[in-house]
Amino acid sequence: MSKKSEITFSIELDENHVPETIEWSASDNGEKGKCKATMLTMWDENEKNTLRIDLWTKDMPVDDMKLYTYQSMITMADTFARATGEDEIAKEMREFANKIGEKMDLVRKAN
């Protein structure tokens, strides 16, 4: 028997259609919460193309966006390694993310 679950986003927009609040909920475990940003990517198998929805609230601090983007790059490398077994490429992805993190003063330079 298969199981179906849902992840739902509710976005409150201002008069200029800029997100003011982002709320999410997951039907599996009843979790819900608020967040300042989300990057949702989907694979269109027919078009062989990535679809994406990137949202962030207008009050999200720039420094938080930098950290969020850096951490997303690292976790993307982790996901890539698990999904493909391409550990060497994932390592290079992490190294690139860490270089960006160093330039933004998010991580210390490796000696």
PDB file of N, CA and C in Angstrom:
ATOM      1  N   MET A   1       0.833  -1.173   0.000  1.00  0.00           N
ATOM      2  CA  MET A   1       0.000   0.000   0.000  1.00  0.00           C
ATOM      3  C   MET A   1       0.886   1.248   0.000  1.00  0.00           C
ATOM      4  N   SER A   2       0.630   2.167  -0.910  1.00  0.00           N
ATOM      5  CA  SER A   2       1.430   3.384  -0.971  1.00  0.00           C
ATOM      6  C   SER A   2       0.875   4.432  -0.015  1.00  0.00           C
ATOM      7  N   LYS A   3       1.719   5.364   0.313  1.00  0.00           N
ATOM      8  CA  LYS A   3       1.354   6.423   1.242  1.00  0.00           C
ATOM      9  C   LYS A   3       1.487   7.755   0.520  1.00  0.00           C
ATOM     10  N   LYS A   4       0.594   8.658   0.786  1.00  0.00           N
ATOM     11  CA  LYS A   4       0.635   9.975   0.181  1.00  0.00           C
ATOM     12  C   LYS A   4       0.838  11.006   1.279  1.00  0.00           C
ATOM     13  N   SER A   5       1.728  11.955   1.028  1.00  0.00           N
ATOM     14  CA  SER A   5       1.929  13.033   1.988  1.00  0.00           C
ATOM     15  C   SER A   5       2.007  14.356   1.233  1.00  0.00           C
ATOM     16  N   GLU A   6       1.770  15.418   1.958  1.00  0.00           N
ATOM     17  CA  GLU A   6       1.768  16.741   1.350  1.00  0.00           C
ATOM     18  C   GLU A   6       2.645  17.692   2.143  1.00  0.00           C
ATOM     19  N   ILE A   7       3.324  18.563   1.414  1.00  0.00           N
ATOM     20  CA  ILE A   7       4.036  19.694   1.989  1.00  0.00           C
ATOM     21  C   ILE A   7       3.368  20.927   1.398  1.00  0.00           C
ATOM     22  N   THR A   8       2.915  21.809   2.265  1.00  0.00           N
ATOM     23  CA  THR A   8       2.157  22.977   1.825  1.00  0.00           C
ATOM     24  C   THR A   8       2.871  24.257   2.239  1.00  0.00           C
ATOM     25  N   PHE A   9       2.876  25.231   1.331  1.00  0.00           N
ATOM     26  CA  PHE A   9       3.410  26.558   1.620  1.00  0.00           C
ATOM     27  C   PHE A   9       2.278  27.568   1.534  1.00  0.00           C
ATOM     28  N   SER A  10       2.266  28.504   2.459  1.00  0.00           N
ATOM     29  CA  SER A  10       1.318  29.609   2.429  1.00  0.00           C
ATOM     30  C   SER A  10       2.139  30.897   2.439  1.00  0.00           C
ATOM     31  N   ILE A  11       1.970  31.714   1.409  1.00  0.00           N
ATOM     32  CA  ILE A  11       2.769  32.920   1.238  1.00  0.00           C
ATOM     33  C   ILE A  11       1.865  34.140   1.356  1.00  0.00           C
ATOM     34  N   GLU A  12       2.184  35.021   2.287  1.00  0.00           N
ATOM     35  CA  GLU A  12       1.454  36.282   2.408  1.00  0.00           C
ATOM     36  C   GLU A  12       2.262  37.358   1.689  1.00  0.00           C
ATOM     37  N   LEU A  13       1.621  38.041   0.731  1.00  0.00           N
ATOM     38  CA  LEU A  13       2.293  39.043  -0.094  1.00  0.00           C
ATOM     39  C   LEU A  13       1.859  40.450   0.287  1.00  0.00           C
ATOM     40  N   ASP A  14       2.766  41.415   0.081  1.00  0.00           N
ATOM     41  CA  ASP A  14       2.380  42.809   0.271  1.00  0.00           C
ATOM     42  C   ASP A  14       1.723  43.333  -1.005  1.00  0.00           C
ATOM     43  N   GLU A  15       1.432  44.614  -1.043  1.00  0.00           N
ATOM     44  CA  GLU A  15       0.744  45.192  -2.196  1.00  0.00           C
ATOM     45  C   GLU A  15       1.565  45.119  -3.485  1.00  0.00           C
ATOM     46  N   ASN A  16       2.883  44.933  -3.365  1.00  0.00           N
ATOM     47  CA  ASN A  16       3.762  44.801  -4.535  1.00  0.00           C
ATOM     48  C   ASN A  16       4.068  43.344  -4.868  1.00  0.00           C
ATOM     49  N   HIS A  17       3.354  42.440  -4.244  1.00  0.00           N
ATOM     50  CA  HIS A  17       3.512  40.991  -4.450  1.00  0.00           C
ATOM     51  C   HIS A  17       4.863  40.470  -3.960  1.00  0.00           C
ATOM     52  N   VAL A  18       5.414  41.123  -2.950  1.00  0.00           N
ATOM     53  CA  VAL A  18       6.656  40.684  -2.315  1.00  0.00           C
ATOM     54  C   VAL A  18       6.274  39.905  -1.055  1.00  0.00           C
ATOM     55  N   PRO A  19       6.872  38.721  -0.853  1.00  0.00           N
ATOM     56  CA  PRO A  19       6.514  37.928   0.328  1.00  0.00           C
ATOM     57  C   PRO A  19       6.789  38.659   1.643  1.00  0.00           C
ATOM     58  N   GLU A  20       5.784  38.666   2.504  1.00  0.00           N
ATOM     59  CA  GLU A  20       5.938  39.194   3.858  1.00  0.00           C
ATOM     60  C   GLU A  20       6.138  38.061   4.853  1.00  0.00           C
ATOM     61  N   THR A  21       5.390  36.968   4.664  1.00  0.00           N
ATOM     62  CA  THR A  21       5.557  35.789   5.511  1.00  0.00           C
ATOM     63  C   THR A  21       5.483  34.536   4.645  1.00  0.00           C
ATOM     64  N   ILE A  22       6.219  33.531   5.078  1.00  0.00           N
ATOM     65  CA  ILE A  22       6.182  32.216   4.441  1.00  0.00           C
ATOM     66  C   ILE A  22       5.926  31.204   5.553  1.00  0.00           C
ATOM     67  N   GLU A  23       4.849  30.451   5.424  1.00  0.00           N
ATOM     68  CA  GLU A  23       4.533  29.392   6.380  1.00  0.00           C
ATOM     69  C   GLU A  23       4.477  28.072   5.631  1.00  0.00           C
ATOM     70  N   TRP A  24       4.850  26.998   6.308  1.00  0.00           N
ATOM     71  CA  TRP A  24       4.844  25.672   5.684  1.00  0.00           C
ATOM     72  C   TRP A  24       4.253  24.667   6.665  1.00  0.00           C
ATOM     73  N   SER A  25       3.785  23.573   6.099  1.00  0.00           N
ATOM     74  CA  SER A  25       3.320  22.456   6.927  1.00  0.00           C
ATOM     75  C   SER A  25       3.557  21.155   6.170  1.00  0.00           C
ATOM     76  N   ALA A  26       3.771  20.090   6.933  1.00  0.00           N
ATOM     77  CA  ALA A  26       3.998  18.758   6.369  1.00  0.00           C
ATOM     78  C   ALA A  26       2.969  17.804   6.965  1.00  0.00           C
ATOM     79  N   SER A  27       2.246  17.105   6.099  1.00  0.00           N
ATOM     80  CA  SER A  27       1.165  16.233   6.567  1.00  0.00           C
ATOM     81  C   SER A  27       1.669  14.970   7.256  1.00  0.00           C
ATOM     82  N   ASP A  28       2.871  14.516   6.922  1.00  0.00           N
ATOM     83  CA  ASP A  28       3.410  13.280   7.500  1.00  0.00           C
ATOM     84  C   ASP A  28       3.460  13.304   9.023  1.00  0.00           C
ATOM     85  N   ASN A  29       4.041  14.371   9.553  1.00  0.00           N
ATOM     86  CA  ASN A  29       4.271  14.400  10.993  1.00  0.00           C
ATOM     87  C   ASN A  29       3.575  15.567  11.682  1.00  0.00           C
ATOM     88  N   GLY A  30       2.759  16.302  10.943  1.00  0.00           N
ATOM     89  CA  GLY A  30       2.036  17.411  11.534  1.00  0.00           C
ATOM     90  C   GLY A  30       2.892  18.621  11.837  1.00  0.00           C
ATOM     91  N   GLU A  31       4.135  18.611  11.364  1.00  0.00           N
ATOM     92  CA  GLU A  31       5.002  19.758  11.603  1.00  0.00           C
ATOM     93  C   GLU A  31       4.534  20.949  10.800  1.00  0.00           C
ATOM     94  N   LYS A  32       4.789  22.135  11.361  1.00  0.00           N
ATOM     95  CA  LYS A  32       4.517  23.366  10.643  1.00  0.00           C
ATOM     96  C   LYS A  32       5.407  24.449  11.218  1.00  0.00           C
ATOM     97  N   GLY A  33       5.570  25.499  10.452  1.00  0.00           N
ATOM     98  CA  GLY A  33       6.403  26.579  10.942  1.00  0.00           C
ATOM     99  C   GLY A  33       6.457  27.729   9.959  1.00  0.00           C
ATOM    100  N   LYS A  34       7.239  28.718  10.345  1.00  0.00           N
ATOM    101  CA  LYS A  34       7.483  29.876   9.495  1.00  0.00           C
ATOM    102  C   LYS A  34       8.937  29.829   9.054  1.00  0.00           C
ATOM    103  N   CYS A  35       9.199  30.414   7.905  1.00  0.00           N
ATOM    104  CA  CYS A  35      10.570  30.528   7.442  1.00  0.00           C
ATOM    105  C   CYS A  35      10.720  31.850   6.709  1.00  0.00           C
ATOM    106  N   LYS A  36      11.949  32.270   6.511  1.00  0.00           N
ATOM    107  CA  LYS A  36      12.233  33.520   5.812  1.00  0.00           C
ATOM    108  C   LYS A  36      12.551  33.295   4.345  1.00  0.00           C
ATOM    109  N   ALA A  37      12.872  32.053   3.957  1.00  0.00           N
ATOM    110  CA  ALA A  37      13.218  31.784   2.560  1.00  0.00           C
ATOM    111  C   ALA A  37      12.979  30.322   2.233  1.00  0.00           C
ATOM    112  N   THR A  38      12.732  30.070   0.962  1.00  0.00           N
ATOM    113  CA  THR A  38      12.630  28.703   0.461  1.00  0.00           C
ATOM    114  C   THR A  38      13.100  28.663  -0.985  1.00  0.00           C
ATOM    115  N   MET A  39      13.773  27.596  -1.332  1.00  0.00           N
ATOM    116  CA  MET A  39      14.160  27.323  -2.713  1.00  0.00           C
ATOM    117  C   MET A  39      13.577  25.964  -3.055  1.00  0.00           C
ATOM    118  N   LEU A  40      12.600  25.949  -3.913  1.00  0.00           N
ATOM    119  CA  LEU A  40      11.943  24.710  -4.307  1.00  0.00           C
ATOM    120  C   LEU A  40      12.313  24.419  -5.756  1.00  0.00           C
ATOM    121  N   THR A  41      12.949  23.274  -5.985  1.00  0.00           N
ATOM    122  CA  THR A  41      13.294  22.882  -7.354  1.00  0.00           C
ATOM    123  C   THR A  41      12.606  21.572  -7.684  1.00  0.00           C
ATOM    124  N   MET A  42      12.170  21.483  -8.922  1.00  0.00           N
ATOM    125  CA  MET A  42      11.482  20.285  -9.400  1.00  0.00           C
ATOM    126  C   MET A  42      12.071  19.910 -10.751  1.00  0.00           C
ATOM    127  N   TRP A  43      12.117  18.625 -11.047  1.00  0.00           N
ATOM    128  CA  TRP A  43      12.641  18.135 -12.313  1.00  0.00           C
ATOM    129  C   TRP A  43      11.488  17.809 -13.245  1.00  0.00           C
ATOM    130  N   ASP A  44      11.455  18.471 -14.395  1.00  0.00           N
ATOM    131  CA  ASP A  44      10.468  18.184 -15.434  1.00  0.00           C
ATOM    132  C   ASP A  44      11.081  17.132 -16.349  1.00  0.00           C
ATOM    133  N   GLU A  45      10.658  15.887 -16.171  1.00  0.00           N
ATOM    134  CA  GLU A  45      11.244  14.773 -16.925  1.00  0.00           C
ATOM    135  C   GLU A  45      11.009  14.912 -18.422  1.00  0.00           C
ATOM    136  N   ASN A  46       9.840  15.375 -18.816  1.00  0.00           N
ATOM    137  CA  ASN A  46       9.535  15.500 -20.243  1.00  0.00           C
ATOM    138  C   ASN A  46      10.396  16.556 -20.924  1.00  0.00           C
ATOM    139  N   GLU A  47      10.582  17.688 -20.267  1.00  0.00           N
ATOM    140  CA  GLU A  47      11.365  18.785 -20.847  1.00  0.00           C
ATOM    141  C   GLU A  47      12.856  18.675 -20.525  1.00  0.00           C
ATOM    142  N   LYS A  48      13.201  17.755 -19.606  1.00  0.00           N
ATOM    143  CA  LYS A  48      14.587  17.638 -19.135  1.00  0.00           C
ATOM    144  C   LYS A  48      15.091  19.003 -18.663  1.00  0.00           C
ATOM    145  N   ASN A  49      14.321  19.576 -17.747  1.00  0.00           N
ATOM    146  CA  ASN A  49      14.597  20.931 -17.310  1.00  0.00           C
ATOM    147  C   ASN A  49      14.232  21.085 -15.830  1.00  0.00           C
ATOM    148  N   THR A  50      14.966  21.925 -15.142  1.00  0.00           N
ATOM    149  CA  THR A  50      14.690  22.215 -13.744  1.00  0.00           C
ATOM    150  C   THR A  50      13.723  23.385 -13.643  1.00  0.00           C
ATOM    151  N   LEU A  51      12.674  23.180 -12.868  1.00  0.00           N
ATOM    152  CA  LEU A  51      11.725  24.242 -12.559  1.00  0.00           C
ATOM    153  C   LEU A  51      12.019  24.700 -11.140  1.00  0.00           C
ATOM    154  N   ARG A  52      11.844  25.974 -10.876  1.00  0.00           N
ATOM    155  CA  ARG A  52      12.189  26.443  -9.539  1.00  0.00           C
ATOM    156  C   ARG A  52      11.288  27.569  -9.080  1.00  0.00           C
ATOM    157  N   ILE A  53      11.121  27.612  -7.787  1.00  0.00           N
ATOM    158  CA  ILE A  53      10.427  28.707  -7.125  1.00  0.00           C
ATOM    159  C   ILE A  53      11.333  29.146  -5.977  1.00  0.00           C
ATOM    160  N   ASP A  54      11.850  30.351  -6.066  1.00  0.00           N
ATOM    161  CA  ASP A  54      12.712  30.906  -5.023  1.00  0.00           C
ATOM    162  C   ASP A  54      11.984  32.075  -4.378  1.00  0.00           C
ATOM    163  N   LEU A  55      11.761  31.984  -3.090  1.00  0.00           N
ATOM    164  CA  LEU A  55      11.051  33.036  -2.367  1.00  0.00           C
ATOM    165  C   LEU A  55      11.808  33.389  -1.100  1.00  0.00           C
ATOM    166  N   TRP A  56      11.791  34.667  -0.744  1.00  0.00           N
ATOM    167  CA  TRP A  56      12.321  35.111   0.530  1.00  0.00           C
ATOM    168  C   TRP A  56      11.524  36.337   0.952  1.00  0.00           C
ATOM    169  N   THR A  57      11.401  36.501   2.255  1.00  0.00           N
ATOM    170  CA  THR A  57      10.617  37.616   2.769  1.00  0.00           C
ATOM    171  C   THR A  57      11.422  38.902   2.670  1.00  0.00           C
ATOM    172  N   LYS A  58      10.696  40.001   2.589  1.00  0.00           N
ATOM    173  CA  LYS A  58      11.364  41.285   2.405  1.00  0.00           C
ATOM    174  C   LYS A  58      12.168  41.702   3.631  1.00  0.00           C
ATOM    175  N   ASP A  59      11.906  41.079   4.786  1.00  0.00           N
ATOM    176  CA  ASP A  59      12.670  41.436   5.982  1.00  0.00           C
ATOM    177  C   ASP A  59      13.792  40.441   6.297  1.00  0.00           C
ATOM    178  N   MET A  60      14.090  39.539   5.370  1.00  0.00           N
ATOM    179  CA  MET A  60      15.193  38.599   5.608  1.00  0.00           C
ATOM    180  C   MET A  60      16.518  39.366   5.519  1.00  0.00           C
ATOM    181  N   PRO A  61      17.332  39.306   6.569  1.00  0.00           N
ATOM    182  CA  PRO A  61      18.616  40.002   6.534  1.00  0.00           C
ATOM    183  C   PRO A  61      19.541  39.428   5.450  1.00  0.00           C
ATOM    184  N   VAL A  62      20.306  40.313   4.837  1.00  0.00           N
ATOM    185  CA  VAL A  62      21.224  39.900   3.773  1.00  0.00           C
ATOM    186  C   VAL A  62      22.215  38.863   4.290  1.00  0.00           C
ATOM    187  N   ASP A  63      22.733  39.050   5.501  1.00  0.00           N
ATOM    188  CA  ASP A  63      23.688  38.078   6.048  1.00  0.00           C
ATOM    189  C   ASP A  63      23.053  36.701   6.214  1.00  0.00           C
ATOM    190  N   ASP A  64      21.776  36.656   6.580  1.00  0.00           N
ATOM    191  CA  ASP A  64      21.079  35.375   6.677  1.00  0.00           C
ATOM    192  C   ASP A  64      20.918  34.741   5.297  1.00  0.00           C
ATOM    193  N   MET A  65      20.653  35.564   4.280  1.00  0.00           N
ATOM    194  CA  MET A  65      20.524  35.033   2.915  1.00  0.00           C
ATOM    195  C   MET A  65      21.852  34.455   2.436  1.00  0.00           C
ATOM    196  N   LYS A  66      22.946  35.103   2.774  1.00  0.00           N
ATOM    197  CA  LYS A  66      24.271  34.586   2.404  1.00  0.00           C
ATOM    198  C   LYS A  66      24.509  33.220   3.048  1.00  0.00           C
ATOM    199  N   LEU A  67      24.221  33.123   4.346  1.00  0.00           N
ATOM    200  CA  LEU A  67      24.418  31.861   5.060  1.00  0.00           C
ATOM    201  C   LEU A  67      23.477  30.782   4.532  1.00  0.00           C
ATOM    202  N   TYR A  68      22.239  31.144   4.284  1.00  0.00           N
ATOM    203  CA  TYR A  68      21.245  30.216   3.738  1.00  0.00           C
ATOM    204  C   TYR A  68      21.701  29.664   2.387  1.00  0.00           C
ATOM    205  N   THR A  69      22.197  30.540   1.528  1.00  0.00           N
ATOM    206  CA  THR A  69      22.657  30.113   0.207  1.00  0.00           C
ATOM    207  C   THR A  69      23.876  29.210   0.326  1.00  0.00           C
ATOM    208  N   TYR A  70      24.815  29.571   1.181  1.00  0.00           N
ATOM    209  CA  TYR A  70      26.006  28.740   1.400  1.00  0.00           C
ATOM    210  C   TYR A  70      25.608  27.348   1.907  1.00  0.00           C
ATOM    211  N   GLN A  71      24.756  27.301   2.926  1.00  0.00           N
ATOM    212  CA  GLN A  71      24.340  26.013   3.473  1.00  0.00           C
ATOM    213  C   GLN A  71      23.569  25.192   2.441  1.00  0.00           C
ATOM    214  N   SER A  72      22.789  25.864   1.602  1.00  0.00           N
ATOM    215  CA  SER A  72      22.046  25.163   0.544  1.00  0.00           C
ATOM    216  C   SER A  72      22.996  24.529  -0.462  1.00  0.00           C
ATOM    217  N   MET A  73      24.089  25.226  -0.775  1.00  0.00           N
ATOM    218  CA  MET A  73      25.076  24.670  -1.704  1.00  0.00           C
ATOM    219  C   MET A  73      25.723  23.415  -1.115  1.00  0.00           C
ATOM    220  N   ILE A  74      26.039  23.460   0.172  1.00  0.00           N
ATOM    221  CA  ILE A  74      26.645  22.298   0.835  1.00  0.00           C
ATOM    222  C   ILE A  74      25.667  21.124   0.847  1.00  0.00           C
ATOM    223  N   THR A  75      24.414  21.373   1.217  1.00  0.00           N
ATOM    224  CA  THR A  75      23.452  20.273   1.272  1.00  0.00           C
ATOM    225  C   THR A  75      23.100  19.758  -0.122  1.00  0.00           C
ATOM    226  N   MET A  76      23.192  20.620  -1.133  1.00  0.00           N
ATOM    227  CA  MET A  76      22.975  20.156  -2.507  1.00  0.00           C
ATOM    228  C   MET A  76      24.064  19.150  -2.890  1.00  0.00           C
ATOM    229  N   ALA A  77      25.288  19.408  -2.471  1.00  0.00           N
ATOM    230  CA  ALA A  77      26.379  18.472  -2.738  1.00  0.00           C
ATOM    231  C   ALA A  77      26.124  17.140  -2.035  1.00  0.00           C
ATOM    232  N   ASP A  78      25.640  17.194  -0.799  1.00  0.00           N
ATOM    233  CA  ASP A  78      25.318  15.967  -0.063  1.00  0.00           C
ATOM    234  C   ASP A  78      24.230  15.166  -0.782  1.00  0.00           C
ATOM    235  N   THR A  79      23.183  15.854  -1.213  1.00  0.00           N
ATOM    236  CA  THR A  79      22.090  15.197  -1.939  1.00  0.00           C
ATOM    237  C   THR A  79      22.596  14.590  -3.236  1.00  0.00           C
ATOM    238  N   PHE A  80      23.423  15.333  -3.949  1.00  0.00           N
ATOM    239  CA  PHE A  80      23.989  14.851  -5.207  1.00  0.00           C
ATOM    240  C   PHE A  80      24.790  13.567  -4.980  1.00  0.00           C
ATOM    241  N   ALA A  81      25.602  13.533  -3.924  1.00  0.00           N
ATOM    242  CA  ALA A  81      26.404  12.338  -3.629  1.00  0.00           C
ATOM    243  C   ALA A  81      25.509  11.138  -3.321  1.00  0.00           C
ATOM    244  N   ARG A  82      24.483  11.335  -2.495  1.00  0.00           N
ATOM    245  CA  ARG A  82      23.575  10.233  -2.153  1.00  0.00           C
ATOM    246  C   ARG A  82      22.815   9.729  -3.373  1.00  0.00           C
ATOM    247  N   ALA A  83      22.409  10.644  -4.246  1.00  0.00           N
ATOM    248  CA  ALA A  83      21.572  10.270  -5.389  1.00  0.00           C
ATOM    249  C   ALA A  83      22.359   9.642  -6.530  1.00  0.00           C
ATOM    250  N   THR A  84      23.630  10.027  -6.677  1.00  0.00           N
ATOM    251  CA  THR A  84      24.395   9.583  -7.850  1.00  0.00           C
ATOM    252  C   THR A  84      25.587   8.702  -7.527  1.00  0.00           C
ATOM    253  N   GLY A  85      26.061   8.748  -6.288  1.00  0.00           N
ATOM    254  CA  GLY A  85      27.279   8.028  -5.947  1.00  0.00           C
ATOM    255  C   GLY A  85      28.534   8.734  -6.443  1.00  0.00           C
ATOM    256  N   GLU A  86      28.386   9.928  -6.981  1.00  0.00           N
ATOM    257  CA  GLU A  86      29.515  10.708  -7.509  1.00  0.00           C
ATOM    258  C   GLU A  86      30.175  11.490  -6.374  1.00  0.00           C
ATOM    259  N   ASP A  87      30.882  10.767  -5.505  1.00  0.00           N
ATOM    260  CA  ASP A  87      31.475  11.385  -4.325  1.00  0.00           C
ATOM    261  C   ASP A  87      32.546  12.414  -4.666  1.00  0.00           C
ATOM    262  N   GLU A  88      33.328  12.165  -5.693  1.00  0.00           N
ATOM    263  CA  GLU A  88      34.398  13.098  -6.064  1.00  0.00           C
ATOM    264  C   GLU A  88      33.816  14.420  -6.568  1.00  0.00           C
ATOM    265  N   ILE A  89      32.779  14.343  -7.383  1.00  0.00           N
ATOM    266  CA  ILE A  89      32.134  15.565  -7.867  1.00  0.00           C
ATOM    267  C   ILE A  89      31.484  16.306  -6.702  1.00  0.00           C
ATOM    268  N   ALA A  90      30.850  15.578  -5.797  1.00  0.00           N
ATOM    269  CA  ALA A  90      30.233  16.205  -4.620  1.00  0.00           C
ATOM    270  C   ALA A  90      31.295  16.901  -3.771  1.00  0.00           C
ATOM    271  N   LYS A  91      32.464  16.295  -3.663  1.00  0.00           N
ATOM    272  CA  LYS A  91      33.566  16.915  -2.921  1.00  0.00           C
ATOM    273  C   LYS A  91      33.954  18.238  -3.573  1.00  0.00           C
ATOM    274  N   GLU A  92      34.033  18.258  -4.895  1.00  0.00           N
ATOM    275  CA  GLU A  92      34.360  19.496  -5.608  1.00  0.00           C
ATOM    276  C   GLU A  92      33.273  20.545  -5.417  1.00  0.00           C
ATOM    277  N   MET A  93      32.030  20.114  -5.387  1.00  0.00           N
ATOM    278  CA  MET A  93      30.925  21.050  -5.139  1.00  0.00           C
ATOM    279  C   MET A  93      31.066  21.676  -3.752  1.00  0.00           C
ATOM    280  N   ARG A  94      31.403  20.870  -2.746  1.00  0.00           N
ATOM    281  CA  ARG A  94      31.590  21.385  -1.387  1.00  0.00           C
ATOM    282  C   ARG A  94      32.774  22.345  -1.325  1.00  0.00           C
ATOM    283  N   GLU A  95      33.864  21.996  -2.028  1.00  0.00           N
ATOM    284  CA  GLU A  95      35.038  22.873  -2.052  1.00  0.00           C
ATOM    285  C   GLU A  95      34.685  24.227  -2.663  1.00  0.00           C
ATOM    286  N   PHE A  96      33.919  24.203  -3.752  1.00  0.00           N
ATOM    287  CA  PHE A  96      33.488  25.452  -4.372  1.00  0.00           C
ATOM    288  C   PHE A  96      32.623  26.257  -3.403  1.00  0.00           C
ATOM    289  N   ALA A  97      31.674  25.594  -2.753  1.00  0.00           N
ATOM    290  CA  ALA A  97      30.809  26.277  -1.783  1.00  0.00           C
ATOM    291  C   ALA A  97      31.635  26.876  -0.654  1.00  0.00           C
ATOM    292  N   ASN A  98      32.646  26.144  -0.193  1.00  0.00           N
ATOM    293  CA  ASN A  98      33.491  26.660   0.879  1.00  0.00           C
ATOM    294  C   ASN A  98      34.300  27.870   0.434  1.00  0.00           C
ATOM    295  N   LYS A  99      34.744  27.898  -0.821  1.00  0.00           N
ATOM    296  CA  LYS A  99      35.441  29.086  -1.339  1.00  0.00           C
ATOM    297  C   LYS A  99      34.516  30.293  -1.313  1.00  0.00           C
ATOM    298  N   ILE A 100      33.276  30.088  -1.729  1.00  0.00           N
ATOM    299  CA  ILE A 100      32.290  31.167  -1.688  1.00  0.00           C
ATOM    300  C   ILE A 100      32.045  31.575  -0.233  1.00  0.00           C
ATOM    301  N   GLY A 101      31.932  30.591   0.651  1.00  0.00           N
ATOM    302  CA  GLY A 101      31.735  30.869   2.073  1.00  0.00           C
ATOM    303  C   GLY A 101      32.880  31.669   2.666  1.00  0.00           C
ATOM    304  N   GLU A 102      34.107  31.372   2.246  1.00  0.00           N
ATOM    305  CA  GLU A 102      35.266  32.135   2.704  1.00  0.00           C
ATOM    306  C   GLU A 102      35.184  33.578   2.223  1.00  0.00           C
ATOM    307  N   LYS A 103      34.837  33.769   0.962  1.00  0.00           N
ATOM    308  CA  LYS A 103      34.753  35.124   0.401  1.00  0.00           C
ATOM    309  C   LYS A 103      33.685  35.957   1.096  1.00  0.00           C
ATOM    310  N   MET A 104      32.650  35.308   1.602  1.00  0.00           N
ATOM    311  CA  MET A 104      31.585  36.024   2.311  1.00  0.00           C
ATOM    312  C   MET A 104      31.817  36.030   3.823  1.00  0.00           C
ATOM    313  N   ASP A 105      32.999  35.556   4.255  1.00  0.00           N
ATOM    314  CA  ASP A 105      33.352  35.487   5.678  1.00  0.00           C
ATOM    315  C   ASP A 105      32.378  34.641   6.490  1.00  0.00           C
ATOM    316  N   LEU A 106      31.899  33.558   5.882  1.00  0.00           N
ATOM    317  CA  LEU A 106      31.006  32.635   6.577  1.00  0.00           C
ATOM    318  C   LEU A 106      31.760  31.454   7.160  1.00  0.00           C
ATOM    319  N   VAL A 107      32.876  31.114   6.555  1.00  0.00           N
ATOM    320  CA  VAL A 107      33.713  30.012   7.028  1.00  0.00           C
ATOM    321  C   VAL A 107      35.154  30.491   7.059  1.00  0.00           C
ATOM    322  N   ARG A 108      35.937  29.871   7.905  1.00  0.00           N
ATOM    323  CA  ARG A 108      37.358  30.215   7.990  1.00  0.00           C
ATOM    324  C   ARG A 108      38.118  29.556   6.859  1.00  0.00           C
ATOM    325  N   LYS A 109      39.133  30.249   6.395  1.00  0.00           N
ATOM    326  CA  LYS A 109      39.984  29.726   5.339  1.00  0.00           C
ATOM    327  C   LYS A 109      40.730  28.499   5.840  1.00  0.00           C
ATOM    328  N   ALA A 110      40.721  27.440   5.015  1.00  0.00           N
ATOM    329  CA  ALA A 110      41.465  26.223   5.368  1.00  0.00           C
ATOM    330  C   ALA A 110      42.951  26.483   5.180  1.00  0.00           C
ATOM    331  N   ASN A 111      43.750  26.011   6.124  1.00  0.00           N
ATOM    332  CA  ASN A 111      45.212  26.206   6.020  1.00  0.00           C
ATOM    333  C   ASN A 111      45.861  25.109   5.249  1.00  0.00           C
TER     334      ASN A 111
END
